[in-house]
Amino acid sequence: MAEEARGASVRTYLELIRFGNADPHAFETAVTVLRMRHPDVSRHDARHLVADWICEHLGH
């Protein structure tokens, strides 16, 4: 998966959280960003990828 898609998804999540959006909304929007860049990735797989990326970024 391209590093730019990863960066865009994580940035989306972090910015939405920073501006007070609820975690589920921020997460689903980050998944949508990934799928817009890579429509071949299933929603299920995209959710797992984004969750992993966010956890890695946050140090979990």
N, C-alpha and C. Protein backbone atom coordinates (compact mmCIF):
# COMPACT_ATOMS: atom_id res chain seq x y z
N MET A 1 0.86 -1.18 0.00
CA MET A 1 0.00 0.00 0.00
C MET A 1 0.90 1.23 0.00
N ALA A 2 0.57 2.17 -0.81
CA ALA A 2 1.41 3.36 -0.93
C ALA A 2 1.47 4.13 0.38
N GLU A 3 2.66 4.60 0.68
CA GLU A 3 2.89 5.36 1.91
C GLU A 3 2.02 6.62 1.96
N GLU A 4 1.74 7.20 0.81
CA GLU A 4 0.92 8.42 0.80
C GLU A 4 -0.52 8.14 1.23
N ALA A 5 -1.05 6.97 0.89
CA ALA A 5 -2.40 6.61 1.32
C ALA A 5 -2.43 6.41 2.84
N ARG A 6 -1.39 5.80 3.34
CA ARG A 6 -1.27 5.61 4.79
C ARG A 6 -1.23 6.97 5.49
N GLY A 7 -0.36 7.85 5.02
CA GLY A 7 -0.24 9.17 5.61
C GLY A 7 -1.54 9.95 5.56
N ALA A 8 -2.21 9.90 4.42
CA ALA A 8 -3.47 10.63 4.27
C ALA A 8 -4.53 10.10 5.23
N SER A 9 -4.60 8.80 5.38
CA SER A 9 -5.60 8.21 6.28
C SER A 9 -5.32 8.58 7.73
N VAL A 10 -4.07 8.46 8.14
CA VAL A 10 -3.72 8.78 9.54
C VAL A 10 -3.91 10.27 9.81
N ARG A 11 -3.49 11.12 8.88
CA ARG A 11 -3.69 12.57 9.05
C ARG A 11 -5.16 12.92 9.17
N THR A 12 -5.98 12.29 8.35
CA THR A 12 -7.43 12.53 8.40
C THR A 12 -7.96 12.20 9.78
N TYR A 13 -7.60 11.02 10.26
CA TYR A 13 -8.07 10.60 11.58
C TYR A 13 -7.62 11.59 12.66
N LEU A 14 -6.35 11.92 12.68
CA LEU A 14 -5.81 12.79 13.73
C LEU A 14 -6.43 14.19 13.69
N GLU A 15 -6.60 14.72 12.50
CA GLU A 15 -7.18 16.06 12.38
C GLU A 15 -8.64 16.08 12.82
N LEU A 16 -9.39 15.07 12.45
CA LEU A 16 -10.79 15.03 12.87
C LEU A 16 -10.90 14.90 14.40
N ILE A 17 -10.05 14.10 14.99
CA ILE A 17 -10.04 13.97 16.45
C ILE A 17 -9.65 15.32 17.08
N ARG A 18 -8.64 15.96 16.51
CA ARG A 18 -8.18 17.24 17.05
C ARG A 18 -9.29 18.29 17.03
N PHE A 19 -10.14 18.23 16.04
CA PHE A 19 -11.23 19.20 15.94
C PHE A 19 -12.51 18.75 16.65
N GLY A 20 -12.39 17.69 17.45
CA GLY A 20 -13.51 17.30 18.32
C GLY A 20 -14.48 16.28 17.77
N ASN A 21 -14.14 15.66 16.65
CA ASN A 21 -15.03 14.62 16.12
C ASN A 21 -14.89 13.35 16.95
N ALA A 22 -15.96 12.60 17.03
CA ALA A 22 -15.95 11.33 17.75
C ALA A 22 -15.05 10.32 17.03
N ASP A 23 -14.43 9.45 17.81
CA ASP A 23 -13.51 8.45 17.25
C ASP A 23 -14.14 7.62 16.13
N PRO A 24 -15.34 7.08 16.30
CA PRO A 24 -15.90 6.26 15.20
C PRO A 24 -16.03 7.04 13.89
N HIS A 25 -16.43 8.29 13.98
CA HIS A 25 -16.57 9.11 12.77
C HIS A 25 -15.19 9.36 12.14
N ALA A 26 -14.21 9.70 12.94
CA ALA A 26 -12.86 9.95 12.44
C ALA A 26 -12.30 8.69 11.79
N PHE A 27 -12.51 7.56 12.42
CA PHE A 27 -12.00 6.29 11.89
C PHE A 27 -12.65 5.96 10.55
N GLU A 28 -13.96 6.03 10.47
CA GLU A 28 -14.67 5.69 9.23
C GLU A 28 -14.28 6.64 8.10
N THR A 29 -14.04 7.90 8.42
CA THR A 29 -13.61 8.84 7.40
C THR A 29 -12.22 8.49 6.90
N ALA A 30 -11.33 8.09 7.81
CA ALA A 30 -9.99 7.67 7.42
C ALA A 30 -10.04 6.43 6.52
N VAL A 31 -10.95 5.53 6.81
CA VAL A 31 -11.15 4.34 5.97
C VAL A 31 -11.62 4.77 4.58
N THR A 32 -12.52 5.72 4.52
CA THR A 32 -13.02 6.23 3.25
C THR A 32 -11.90 6.86 2.43
N VAL A 33 -11.02 7.60 3.10
CA VAL A 33 -9.87 8.20 2.39
C VAL A 33 -9.02 7.11 1.75
N LEU A 34 -8.73 6.06 2.48
CA LEU A 34 -7.95 4.96 1.92
C LEU A 34 -8.66 4.35 0.71
N ARG A 35 -9.95 4.12 0.84
CA ARG A 35 -10.69 3.47 -0.25
C ARG A 35 -10.86 4.37 -1.46
N MET A 36 -10.84 5.67 -1.25
CA MET A 36 -10.90 6.59 -2.40
C MET A 36 -9.60 6.50 -3.21
N ARG A 37 -8.49 6.31 -2.52
CA ARG A 37 -7.20 6.20 -3.19
C ARG A 37 -6.96 4.80 -3.75
N HIS A 38 -7.56 3.81 -3.11
CA HIS A 38 -7.38 2.41 -3.51
C HIS A 38 -8.73 1.69 -3.47
N PRO A 39 -9.58 1.93 -4.47
CA PRO A 39 -10.92 1.33 -4.46
C PRO A 39 -10.91 -0.19 -4.56
N ASP A 40 -9.78 -0.77 -4.91
CA ASP A 40 -9.67 -2.22 -5.00
C ASP A 40 -9.59 -2.88 -3.63
N VAL A 41 -9.32 -2.09 -2.58
CA VAL A 41 -9.23 -2.63 -1.22
C VAL A 41 -10.64 -2.73 -0.64
N SER A 42 -10.99 -3.91 -0.15
CA SER A 42 -12.32 -4.09 0.41
C SER A 42 -12.49 -3.24 1.67
N ARG A 43 -13.72 -2.95 2.01
CA ARG A 43 -14.00 -2.17 3.22
C ARG A 43 -13.44 -2.90 4.45
N HIS A 44 -13.61 -4.19 4.50
CA HIS A 44 -13.10 -5.00 5.61
C HIS A 44 -11.59 -4.85 5.74
N ASP A 45 -10.88 -5.03 4.64
CA ASP A 45 -9.42 -4.91 4.67
C ASP A 45 -8.97 -3.48 4.98
N ALA A 46 -9.68 -2.51 4.43
CA ALA A 46 -9.34 -1.12 4.68
C ALA A 46 -9.48 -0.78 6.16
N ARG A 47 -10.52 -1.28 6.79
CA ARG A 47 -10.72 -1.03 8.23
C ARG A 47 -9.55 -1.60 9.04
N HIS A 48 -9.11 -2.79 8.69
CA HIS A 48 -7.98 -3.40 9.40
C HIS A 48 -6.68 -2.63 9.16
N LEU A 49 -6.43 -2.25 7.93
CA LEU A 49 -5.22 -1.49 7.62
C LEU A 49 -5.19 -0.17 8.38
N VAL A 50 -6.29 0.58 8.31
CA VAL A 50 -6.33 1.89 8.97
C VAL A 50 -6.19 1.73 10.47
N ALA A 51 -6.84 0.74 11.05
CA ALA A 51 -6.71 0.50 12.49
C ALA A 51 -5.26 0.22 12.86
N ASP A 52 -4.59 -0.60 12.08
CA ASP A 52 -3.18 -0.90 12.34
C ASP A 52 -2.32 0.35 12.22
N TRP A 53 -2.56 1.15 11.19
CA TRP A 53 -1.76 2.36 10.97
C TRP A 53 -1.95 3.36 12.12
N ILE A 54 -3.20 3.51 12.55
CA ILE A 54 -3.46 4.45 13.65
C ILE A 54 -2.80 3.95 14.93
N CYS A 55 -2.93 2.68 15.22
CA CYS A 55 -2.30 2.12 16.42
C CYS A 55 -0.79 2.28 16.38
N GLU A 56 -0.17 2.01 15.25
CA GLU A 56 1.28 2.17 15.11
C GLU A 56 1.66 3.63 15.32
N HIS A 57 0.88 4.53 14.75
CA HIS A 57 1.19 5.95 14.88
C HIS A 57 1.08 6.41 16.34
N LEU A 58 0.09 5.88 17.04
CA LEU A 58 -0.12 6.28 18.43
C LEU A 58 0.77 5.49 19.41
N GLY A 59 1.49 4.52 18.88
CA GLY A 59 2.41 3.75 19.71
C GLY A 59 1.76 2.66 20.52
N HIS A 60 0.65 2.12 20.01
CA HIS A 60 -0.06 1.03 20.72
C HIS A 60 0.38 -0.31 20.20
